[in-house]
Amino acid sequence: MTVRKRKKKNKLRGKRTHGKGNTKNKRGGGSRGGRGKAGARKHKKDKYSGILKKKARLKPKKKGRVIDIDELSRIAERLKKENKAEYDNEFIIIDGKKIGFEKILSRGKLTHRVKIINAKISERARRKILESGGLIEEMLGERKEMSGEKKV
């Protein structure tokens, strides 16, 4: 014959508080300071201190302005008049830092012969500038690169 185990609630029959201590202790969530993780940042701070630390947010990287070739050829003459670009031996010298753009993209056609300084250039834009007889001189950071000059 198997021995039957008594249920806990039946064992506690006749005991006034059924193992809960004071009579007030077995009432709702208020007696335990809220249900679950409620109060984890306030009155239950010690209990949840390792779990609820704030995560550091990373700042988004600043993206520089981009300009297309057609826009560059449109504003080239105006930049020359405003002394933001220089003119030297058939080239309009355009400095990316002075004008405030970081990269040149390839949309459009280039109508002027330009020399580009201090700007990143996409591959197709590089080809278009060199085909139109322009020069590219990049001096971003410590890297210096020249292309488009004839080698003798």
N, C-alpha and C. Protein backbone atom coordinates (compact mmCIF):
# COMPACT_ATOMS: atom_id res chain seq x y z
N MET A 1 0.83 -1.17 0.00
CA MET A 1 0.00 0.00 0.00
C MET A 1 0.89 1.25 0.00
N THR A 2 0.53 2.24 -0.84
CA THR A 2 1.34 3.45 -0.96
C THR A 2 0.96 4.45 0.13
N VAL A 3 2.00 5.18 0.54
CA VAL A 3 1.78 6.19 1.56
C VAL A 3 1.39 7.49 0.88
N ARG A 4 0.29 8.06 1.31
CA ARG A 4 -0.17 9.31 0.70
C ARG A 4 0.41 10.49 1.46
N LYS A 5 0.95 11.46 0.70
CA LYS A 5 1.53 12.65 1.33
C LYS A 5 0.43 13.69 1.52
N ARG A 6 0.43 14.29 2.69
CA ARG A 6 -0.59 15.32 2.95
C ARG A 6 -0.24 16.61 2.23
N LYS A 7 -1.26 17.30 1.74
CA LYS A 7 -1.04 18.60 1.11
C LYS A 7 -0.72 19.63 2.17
N LYS A 8 0.07 20.64 1.78
CA LYS A 8 0.52 21.65 2.74
C LYS A 8 -0.68 22.41 3.33
N LYS A 9 -1.64 22.70 2.50
CA LYS A 9 -2.77 23.47 3.03
C LYS A 9 -3.56 22.69 4.05
N ASN A 10 -3.60 21.36 3.88
CA ASN A 10 -4.30 20.54 4.86
C ASN A 10 -3.51 20.41 6.16
N LYS A 11 -2.16 20.44 6.04
CA LYS A 11 -1.32 20.40 7.24
C LYS A 11 -1.54 21.65 8.08
N LEU A 12 -1.77 22.79 7.38
CA LEU A 12 -1.86 24.08 8.06
C LEU A 12 -3.28 24.40 8.53
N ARG A 13 -4.22 23.47 8.37
CA ARG A 13 -5.58 23.71 8.86
C ARG A 13 -5.55 23.92 10.37
N GLY A 14 -6.24 24.92 10.83
CA GLY A 14 -6.26 25.21 12.25
C GLY A 14 -5.21 26.21 12.66
N LYS A 15 -4.18 26.35 11.85
CA LYS A 15 -3.18 27.38 12.13
C LYS A 15 -3.74 28.69 11.58
N ARG A 16 -3.65 29.73 12.37
CA ARG A 16 -4.35 30.97 12.04
C ARG A 16 -3.86 31.62 10.74
N THR A 17 -2.54 31.62 10.48
CA THR A 17 -2.02 32.39 9.34
C THR A 17 -1.48 31.53 8.19
N HIS A 18 -1.57 30.21 8.30
CA HIS A 18 -1.11 29.30 7.27
C HIS A 18 0.34 29.57 6.84
N GLY A 19 1.21 29.84 7.78
CA GLY A 19 2.64 29.98 7.51
C GLY A 19 3.05 31.30 6.89
N LYS A 20 2.14 32.30 6.88
CA LYS A 20 2.46 33.58 6.26
C LYS A 20 2.88 34.64 7.28
N GLY A 21 3.02 34.30 8.54
CA GLY A 21 3.41 35.27 9.55
C GLY A 21 2.20 36.07 9.99
N ASN A 22 2.36 37.36 10.12
CA ASN A 22 1.28 38.24 10.53
C ASN A 22 0.13 38.17 9.53
N THR A 23 -1.09 38.42 9.98
CA THR A 23 -2.25 38.33 9.08
C THR A 23 -2.18 39.31 7.93
N LYS A 24 -1.50 40.45 8.14
CA LYS A 24 -1.42 41.46 7.08
C LYS A 24 -0.47 41.04 5.95
N ASN A 25 0.41 40.09 6.22
CA ASN A 25 1.45 39.75 5.25
C ASN A 25 0.94 39.02 4.02
N LYS A 26 -0.18 38.35 4.11
CA LYS A 26 -0.63 37.56 2.96
C LYS A 26 -1.54 38.33 2.02
N ARG A 27 -1.70 39.63 2.26
CA ARG A 27 -2.53 40.44 1.36
C ARG A 27 -1.77 40.74 0.08
N GLY A 28 -2.40 41.40 -0.88
CA GLY A 28 -1.89 41.63 -2.25
C GLY A 28 -0.45 42.06 -2.43
N GLY A 29 -0.17 42.66 -3.60
CA GLY A 29 1.18 43.04 -3.97
C GLY A 29 1.75 44.17 -3.15
N GLY A 30 0.89 44.92 -2.48
CA GLY A 30 1.36 46.04 -1.69
C GLY A 30 2.20 45.63 -0.51
N SER A 31 1.95 44.43 0.01
CA SER A 31 2.70 43.98 1.17
C SER A 31 4.13 43.61 0.80
N ARG A 32 4.39 43.34 -0.48
CA ARG A 32 5.76 43.02 -0.89
C ARG A 32 6.40 44.15 -1.68
N GLY A 33 5.79 45.34 -1.66
CA GLY A 33 6.39 46.50 -2.35
C GLY A 33 6.12 46.51 -3.83
N GLY A 34 5.06 45.89 -4.27
CA GLY A 34 4.73 45.82 -5.69
C GLY A 34 5.05 44.45 -6.24
N ARG A 35 4.46 44.11 -7.36
CA ARG A 35 4.69 42.79 -7.95
C ARG A 35 5.90 42.83 -8.88
N GLY A 36 6.64 41.76 -8.95
CA GLY A 36 7.75 41.63 -9.88
C GLY A 36 8.87 42.62 -9.60
N LYS A 37 9.33 43.30 -10.65
CA LYS A 37 10.46 44.23 -10.52
C LYS A 37 10.01 45.65 -10.20
N ALA A 38 8.75 45.79 -9.80
CA ALA A 38 8.27 47.12 -9.45
C ALA A 38 9.09 47.67 -8.29
N GLY A 39 9.51 48.92 -8.39
CA GLY A 39 10.31 49.54 -7.35
C GLY A 39 11.78 49.18 -7.44
N ALA A 40 12.21 48.60 -8.55
CA ALA A 40 13.61 48.18 -8.70
C ALA A 40 14.56 49.37 -8.68
N ARG A 41 14.10 50.53 -9.11
CA ARG A 41 14.95 51.73 -9.11
C ARG A 41 14.74 52.57 -7.85
N LYS A 42 13.82 52.16 -7.00
CA LYS A 42 13.53 52.95 -5.80
C LYS A 42 13.73 52.11 -4.55
N HIS A 43 12.69 51.51 -4.00
CA HIS A 43 12.83 50.84 -2.71
C HIS A 43 13.40 49.42 -2.80
N LYS A 44 13.46 48.80 -3.99
CA LYS A 44 14.08 47.49 -4.14
C LYS A 44 15.43 47.59 -4.85
N LYS A 45 16.08 48.74 -4.71
CA LYS A 45 17.31 49.03 -5.44
C LYS A 45 18.41 47.99 -5.16
N ASP A 46 18.56 47.58 -3.90
CA ASP A 46 19.62 46.63 -3.55
C ASP A 46 19.40 45.28 -4.21
N LYS A 47 18.16 44.86 -4.31
CA LYS A 47 17.84 43.56 -4.87
C LYS A 47 18.14 43.48 -6.36
N TYR A 48 17.91 44.59 -7.08
CA TYR A 48 18.06 44.60 -8.54
C TYR A 48 19.22 45.46 -9.02
N SER A 49 20.18 45.77 -8.18
CA SER A 49 21.24 46.71 -8.57
C SER A 49 22.09 46.21 -9.73
N GLY A 50 22.38 44.92 -9.80
CA GLY A 50 23.21 44.40 -10.88
C GLY A 50 22.48 44.23 -12.19
N ILE A 51 21.17 44.07 -12.13
CA ILE A 51 20.38 43.77 -13.33
C ILE A 51 20.02 45.03 -14.11
N LEU A 52 19.66 46.09 -13.42
CA LEU A 52 19.09 47.25 -14.09
C LEU A 52 20.07 48.42 -14.24
N LYS A 53 21.29 48.14 -14.65
CA LYS A 53 22.24 49.23 -14.87
C LYS A 53 21.91 49.92 -16.19
N LYS A 54 22.18 51.22 -16.26
CA LYS A 54 21.91 51.96 -17.50
C LYS A 54 22.96 51.60 -18.54
N LYS A 55 22.54 51.43 -19.77
CA LYS A 55 23.45 51.14 -20.85
C LYS A 55 23.91 52.44 -21.49
N ALA A 56 25.18 52.52 -21.81
CA ALA A 56 25.72 53.73 -22.43
C ALA A 56 25.28 53.78 -23.88
N ARG A 57 24.82 54.95 -24.30
CA ARG A 57 24.42 55.13 -25.70
C ARG A 57 25.60 55.65 -26.51
N LEU A 58 25.76 55.13 -27.69
CA LEU A 58 26.81 55.61 -28.57
C LEU A 58 26.28 56.80 -29.36
N LYS A 59 27.13 57.79 -29.54
CA LYS A 59 26.73 58.95 -30.33
C LYS A 59 26.81 58.60 -31.81
N PRO A 60 25.83 59.02 -32.59
CA PRO A 60 25.90 58.72 -34.02
C PRO A 60 27.06 59.47 -34.66
N LYS A 61 27.69 58.82 -35.64
CA LYS A 61 28.81 59.45 -36.33
C LYS A 61 28.29 60.57 -37.21
N LYS A 62 29.04 61.65 -37.27
CA LYS A 62 28.65 62.76 -38.11
C LYS A 62 28.93 62.41 -39.56
N LYS A 63 27.95 62.64 -40.39
CA LYS A 63 28.12 62.38 -41.81
C LYS A 63 28.34 63.71 -42.52
N GLY A 64 29.34 63.76 -43.35
CA GLY A 64 29.63 64.98 -44.08
C GLY A 64 28.68 65.15 -45.25
N ARG A 65 28.60 66.37 -45.76
CA ARG A 65 27.73 66.65 -46.90
C ARG A 65 28.29 66.01 -48.16
N VAL A 66 27.42 65.60 -49.05
CA VAL A 66 27.84 65.06 -50.34
C VAL A 66 27.33 65.99 -51.44
N ILE A 67 28.03 65.96 -52.56
CA ILE A 67 27.66 66.83 -53.69
C ILE A 67 27.83 66.01 -54.97
N ASP A 68 26.94 66.21 -55.93
CA ASP A 68 27.03 65.51 -57.22
C ASP A 68 27.85 66.32 -58.20
N ILE A 69 28.33 65.64 -59.25
CA ILE A 69 29.16 66.31 -60.25
C ILE A 69 28.39 67.42 -60.96
N ASP A 70 27.12 67.17 -61.29
CA ASP A 70 26.36 68.21 -62.00
C ASP A 70 26.17 69.45 -61.14
N GLU A 71 25.98 69.26 -59.85
CA GLU A 71 25.85 70.40 -58.94
C GLU A 71 27.18 71.13 -58.82
N LEU A 72 28.26 70.37 -58.81
CA LEU A 72 29.60 70.94 -58.73
C LEU A 72 29.91 71.80 -59.96
N SER A 73 29.56 71.30 -61.14
CA SER A 73 29.82 72.08 -62.35
C SER A 73 28.89 73.30 -62.44
N ARG A 74 27.69 73.20 -61.83
CA ARG A 74 26.76 74.32 -61.82
C ARG A 74 27.27 75.46 -60.93
N ILE A 75 27.88 75.13 -59.80
CA ILE A 75 28.30 76.16 -58.87
C ILE A 75 29.77 76.56 -59.04
N ALA A 76 30.50 75.92 -59.96
CA ALA A 76 31.94 76.18 -60.11
C ALA A 76 32.23 77.65 -60.46
N GLU A 77 31.50 78.20 -61.42
CA GLU A 77 31.72 79.60 -61.81
C GLU A 77 31.36 80.56 -60.68
N ARG A 78 30.28 80.27 -60.00
CA ARG A 78 29.86 81.11 -58.89
C ARG A 78 30.88 81.10 -57.75
N LEU A 79 31.43 79.94 -57.49
CA LEU A 79 32.45 79.83 -56.45
C LEU A 79 33.69 80.65 -56.80
N LYS A 80 34.02 80.68 -58.08
CA LYS A 80 35.18 81.45 -58.54
C LYS A 80 34.93 82.95 -58.32
N LYS A 81 33.72 83.40 -58.58
CA LYS A 81 33.38 84.82 -58.39
C LYS A 81 33.35 85.20 -56.91
N GLU A 82 32.93 84.28 -56.06
CA GLU A 82 32.84 84.54 -54.62
C GLU A 82 34.17 84.30 -53.89
N ASN A 83 35.23 83.98 -54.62
CA ASN A 83 36.56 83.70 -54.08
C ASN A 83 36.58 82.49 -53.14
N LYS A 84 35.67 81.57 -53.33
CA LYS A 84 35.70 80.32 -52.59
C LYS A 84 36.47 79.25 -53.35
N ALA A 85 36.68 79.50 -54.63
CA ALA A 85 37.48 78.60 -55.47
C ALA A 85 38.49 79.45 -56.22
N GLU A 86 39.65 78.87 -56.49
CA GLU A 86 40.71 79.60 -57.20
C GLU A 86 40.74 79.16 -58.65
N TYR A 87 41.37 79.98 -59.48
CA TYR A 87 41.51 79.67 -60.89
C TYR A 87 42.99 79.59 -61.20
N ASP A 88 43.43 78.47 -61.81
CA ASP A 88 44.85 78.28 -62.07
C ASP A 88 45.04 77.44 -63.33
N ASN A 89 45.62 78.07 -64.37
CA ASN A 89 45.96 77.36 -65.63
C ASN A 89 44.83 76.46 -66.14
N GLU A 90 43.75 77.02 -66.51
CA GLU A 90 42.58 76.32 -67.07
C GLU A 90 41.80 75.48 -66.05
N PHE A 91 42.28 75.35 -64.82
CA PHE A 91 41.58 74.57 -63.80
C PHE A 91 40.90 75.49 -62.80
N ILE A 92 39.71 75.06 -62.36
CA ILE A 92 39.07 75.71 -61.21
C ILE A 92 39.42 74.82 -60.02
N ILE A 93 40.16 75.36 -59.06
CA ILE A 93 40.59 74.58 -57.91
C ILE A 93 39.51 74.67 -56.83
N ILE A 94 38.92 73.52 -56.52
CA ILE A 94 37.82 73.45 -55.56
C ILE A 94 38.30 72.69 -54.32
N ASP A 95 38.23 73.37 -53.17
CA ASP A 95 38.64 72.78 -51.90
C ASP A 95 37.39 72.34 -51.14
N GLY A 96 37.29 71.04 -50.85
CA GLY A 96 36.11 70.49 -50.17
C GLY A 96 35.89 71.08 -48.79
N LYS A 97 36.98 71.34 -48.05
CA LYS A 97 36.83 71.89 -46.70
C LYS A 97 36.32 73.32 -46.73
N LYS A 98 36.79 74.13 -47.68
CA LYS A 98 36.35 75.53 -47.78
C LYS A 98 34.87 75.62 -48.11
N ILE A 99 34.43 74.79 -49.03
CA ILE A 99 33.05 74.85 -49.49
C ILE A 99 32.11 74.13 -48.52
N GLY A 100 32.63 73.11 -47.84
CA GLY A 100 31.82 72.42 -46.83
C GLY A 100 31.20 71.13 -47.31
N PHE A 101 31.86 70.39 -48.18
CA PHE A 101 31.38 69.07 -48.55
C PHE A 101 32.50 68.06 -48.37
N GLU A 102 32.10 66.80 -48.16
CA GLU A 102 33.09 65.78 -47.87
C GLU A 102 33.29 64.82 -49.03
N LYS A 103 32.22 64.54 -49.79
CA LYS A 103 32.34 63.52 -50.83
C LYS A 103 31.65 63.97 -52.11
N ILE A 104 32.22 63.56 -53.24
CA ILE A 104 31.65 63.87 -54.55
C ILE A 104 31.10 62.58 -55.13
N LEU A 105 29.83 62.63 -55.58
CA LEU A 105 29.19 61.48 -56.21
C LEU A 105 29.07 61.72 -57.71
N SER A 106 28.72 60.67 -58.46
CA SER A 106 28.92 60.71 -59.91
C SER A 106 27.73 61.15 -60.76
N ARG A 107 26.64 61.61 -60.20
CA ARG A 107 25.47 61.94 -61.02
C ARG A 107 25.73 63.19 -61.84
N GLY A 108 25.46 63.12 -63.13
CA GLY A 108 25.57 64.30 -64.00
C GLY A 108 26.86 64.32 -64.81
N LYS A 109 27.04 65.46 -65.53
CA LYS A 109 28.22 65.63 -66.38
C LYS A 109 29.00 66.83 -65.88
N LEU A 110 30.31 66.77 -66.07
CA LEU A 110 31.19 67.85 -65.65
C LEU A 110 31.52 68.70 -66.88
N THR A 111 31.24 70.00 -66.81
CA THR A 111 31.45 70.88 -67.95
C THR A 111 32.74 71.70 -67.84
N HIS A 112 33.33 71.78 -66.64
CA HIS A 112 34.55 72.55 -66.43
C HIS A 112 35.71 71.62 -66.10
N ARG A 113 36.93 72.10 -66.33
CA ARG A 113 38.11 71.35 -65.89
C ARG A 113 38.37 71.78 -64.45
N VAL A 114 38.30 70.81 -63.54
CA VAL A 114 38.44 71.15 -62.13
C VAL A 114 39.58 70.36 -61.50
N LYS A 115 40.12 70.94 -60.44
CA LYS A 115 41.09 70.25 -59.61
C LYS A 115 40.46 70.17 -58.21
N ILE A 116 40.26 68.96 -57.73
CA ILE A 116 39.57 68.74 -56.47
C ILE A 116 40.60 68.50 -55.36
N ILE A 117 40.44 69.23 -54.25
CA ILE A 117 41.32 69.07 -53.09
C ILE A 117 40.44 68.80 -51.86
N ASN A 118 40.94 67.97 -50.95
CA ASN A 118 40.28 67.69 -49.67
C ASN A 118 38.85 67.17 -49.81
N ALA A 119 38.65 66.14 -50.59
CA ALA A 119 37.32 65.54 -50.73
C ALA A 119 37.46 64.07 -51.10
N LYS A 120 36.57 63.27 -50.57
CA LYS A 120 36.50 61.87 -50.98
C LYS A 120 35.70 61.83 -52.28
N ILE A 121 36.04 60.87 -53.14
CA ILE A 121 35.39 60.81 -54.45
C ILE A 121 35.03 59.37 -54.76
N SER A 122 33.80 59.15 -55.23
CA SER A 122 33.40 57.80 -55.61
C SER A 122 34.14 57.40 -56.89
N GLU A 123 34.20 56.10 -57.16
CA GLU A 123 34.97 55.61 -58.31
C GLU A 123 34.45 56.16 -59.64
N ARG A 124 33.14 56.14 -59.83
CA ARG A 124 32.57 56.65 -61.10
C ARG A 124 32.79 58.15 -61.24
N ALA A 125 32.69 58.89 -60.12
CA ALA A 125 32.94 60.33 -60.17
C ALA A 125 34.41 60.59 -60.50
N ARG A 126 35.30 59.78 -59.96
CA ARG A 126 36.73 59.91 -60.25
C ARG A 126 36.99 59.74 -61.75
N ARG A 127 36.36 58.71 -62.33
CA ARG A 127 36.52 58.47 -63.78
C ARG A 127 36.02 59.66 -64.59
N LYS A 128 34.85 60.19 -64.22
CA LYS A 128 34.26 61.31 -64.97
C LYS A 128 35.14 62.56 -64.89
N ILE A 129 35.69 62.82 -63.71
CA ILE A 129 36.54 64.01 -63.54
C ILE A 129 37.81 63.87 -64.37
N LEU A 130 38.41 62.69 -64.36
CA LEU A 130 39.64 62.47 -65.12
C LEU A 130 39.38 62.47 -66.63
N GLU A 131 38.22 61.97 -67.07
CA GLU A 131 37.88 61.97 -68.50
C GLU A 131 37.66 63.39 -69.02
N SER A 132 37.15 64.28 -68.16
CA SER A 132 36.92 65.66 -68.60
C SER A 132 38.18 66.51 -68.49
N GLY A 133 39.30 65.87 -68.12
CA GLY A 133 40.58 66.58 -68.06
C GLY A 133 40.87 67.22 -66.72
N GLY A 134 40.24 66.75 -65.67
CA GLY A 134 40.44 67.32 -64.35
C GLY A 134 41.53 66.61 -63.56
N LEU A 135 41.84 67.15 -62.41
CA LEU A 135 42.83 66.58 -61.51
C LEU A 135 42.19 66.32 -60.15
N ILE A 136 42.72 65.31 -59.46
CA ILE A 136 42.21 64.99 -58.13
C ILE A 136 43.40 64.93 -57.17
N GLU A 137 43.29 65.70 -56.09
CA GLU A 137 44.33 65.68 -55.06
C GLU A 137 43.63 65.56 -53.72
N GLU A 138 43.79 64.40 -53.09
CA GLU A 138 43.12 64.18 -51.82
C GLU A 138 44.12 64.35 -50.69
N MET A 139 43.76 65.16 -49.69
CA MET A 139 44.58 65.33 -48.50
C MET A 139 43.66 65.24 -47.28
N LEU A 140 43.13 64.07 -47.03
CA LEU A 140 42.24 63.87 -45.88
C LEU A 140 43.04 63.18 -44.79
N GLY A 141 43.18 63.82 -43.67
CA GLY A 141 43.99 63.26 -42.58
C GLY A 141 45.46 63.30 -42.98
N GLU A 142 46.14 62.15 -42.88
CA GLU A 142 47.54 62.09 -43.23
C GLU A 142 47.75 61.52 -44.62
N ARG A 143 46.72 60.92 -45.20
CA ARG A 143 46.84 60.29 -46.51
C ARG A 143 46.84 61.34 -47.61
N LYS A 144 47.78 61.27 -48.52
CA LYS A 144 47.80 62.20 -49.64
C LYS A 144 47.89 61.38 -50.91
N GLU A 145 47.04 61.66 -51.86
CA GLU A 145 46.99 60.87 -53.07
C GLU A 145 46.77 61.82 -54.24
N MET A 146 47.53 61.65 -55.29
CA MET A 146 47.36 62.48 -56.50
C MET A 146 47.07 61.55 -57.66
N SER A 147 46.14 61.93 -58.50
CA SER A 147 45.87 61.15 -59.69
C SER A 147 45.45 62.11 -60.80
N GLY A 148 45.66 61.67 -62.02
CA GLY A 148 45.27 62.48 -63.17
C GLY A 148 46.42 63.23 -63.80
N GLU A 149 47.61 63.18 -63.22
CA GLU A 149 48.75 63.86 -63.83
C GLU A 149 49.41 62.94 -64.82
N LYS A 150 49.98 63.55 -65.88
CA LYS A 150 50.67 62.76 -66.89
C LYS A 150 52.06 62.42 -66.36
N LYS A 151 52.44 61.15 -66.52
CA LYS A 151 53.77 60.71 -66.10
C LYS A 151 54.72 60.80 -67.28
N VAL A 152 55.88 61.39 -67.07
CA VAL A 152 56.85 61.58 -68.16
C VAL A 152 57.92 60.52 -68.10
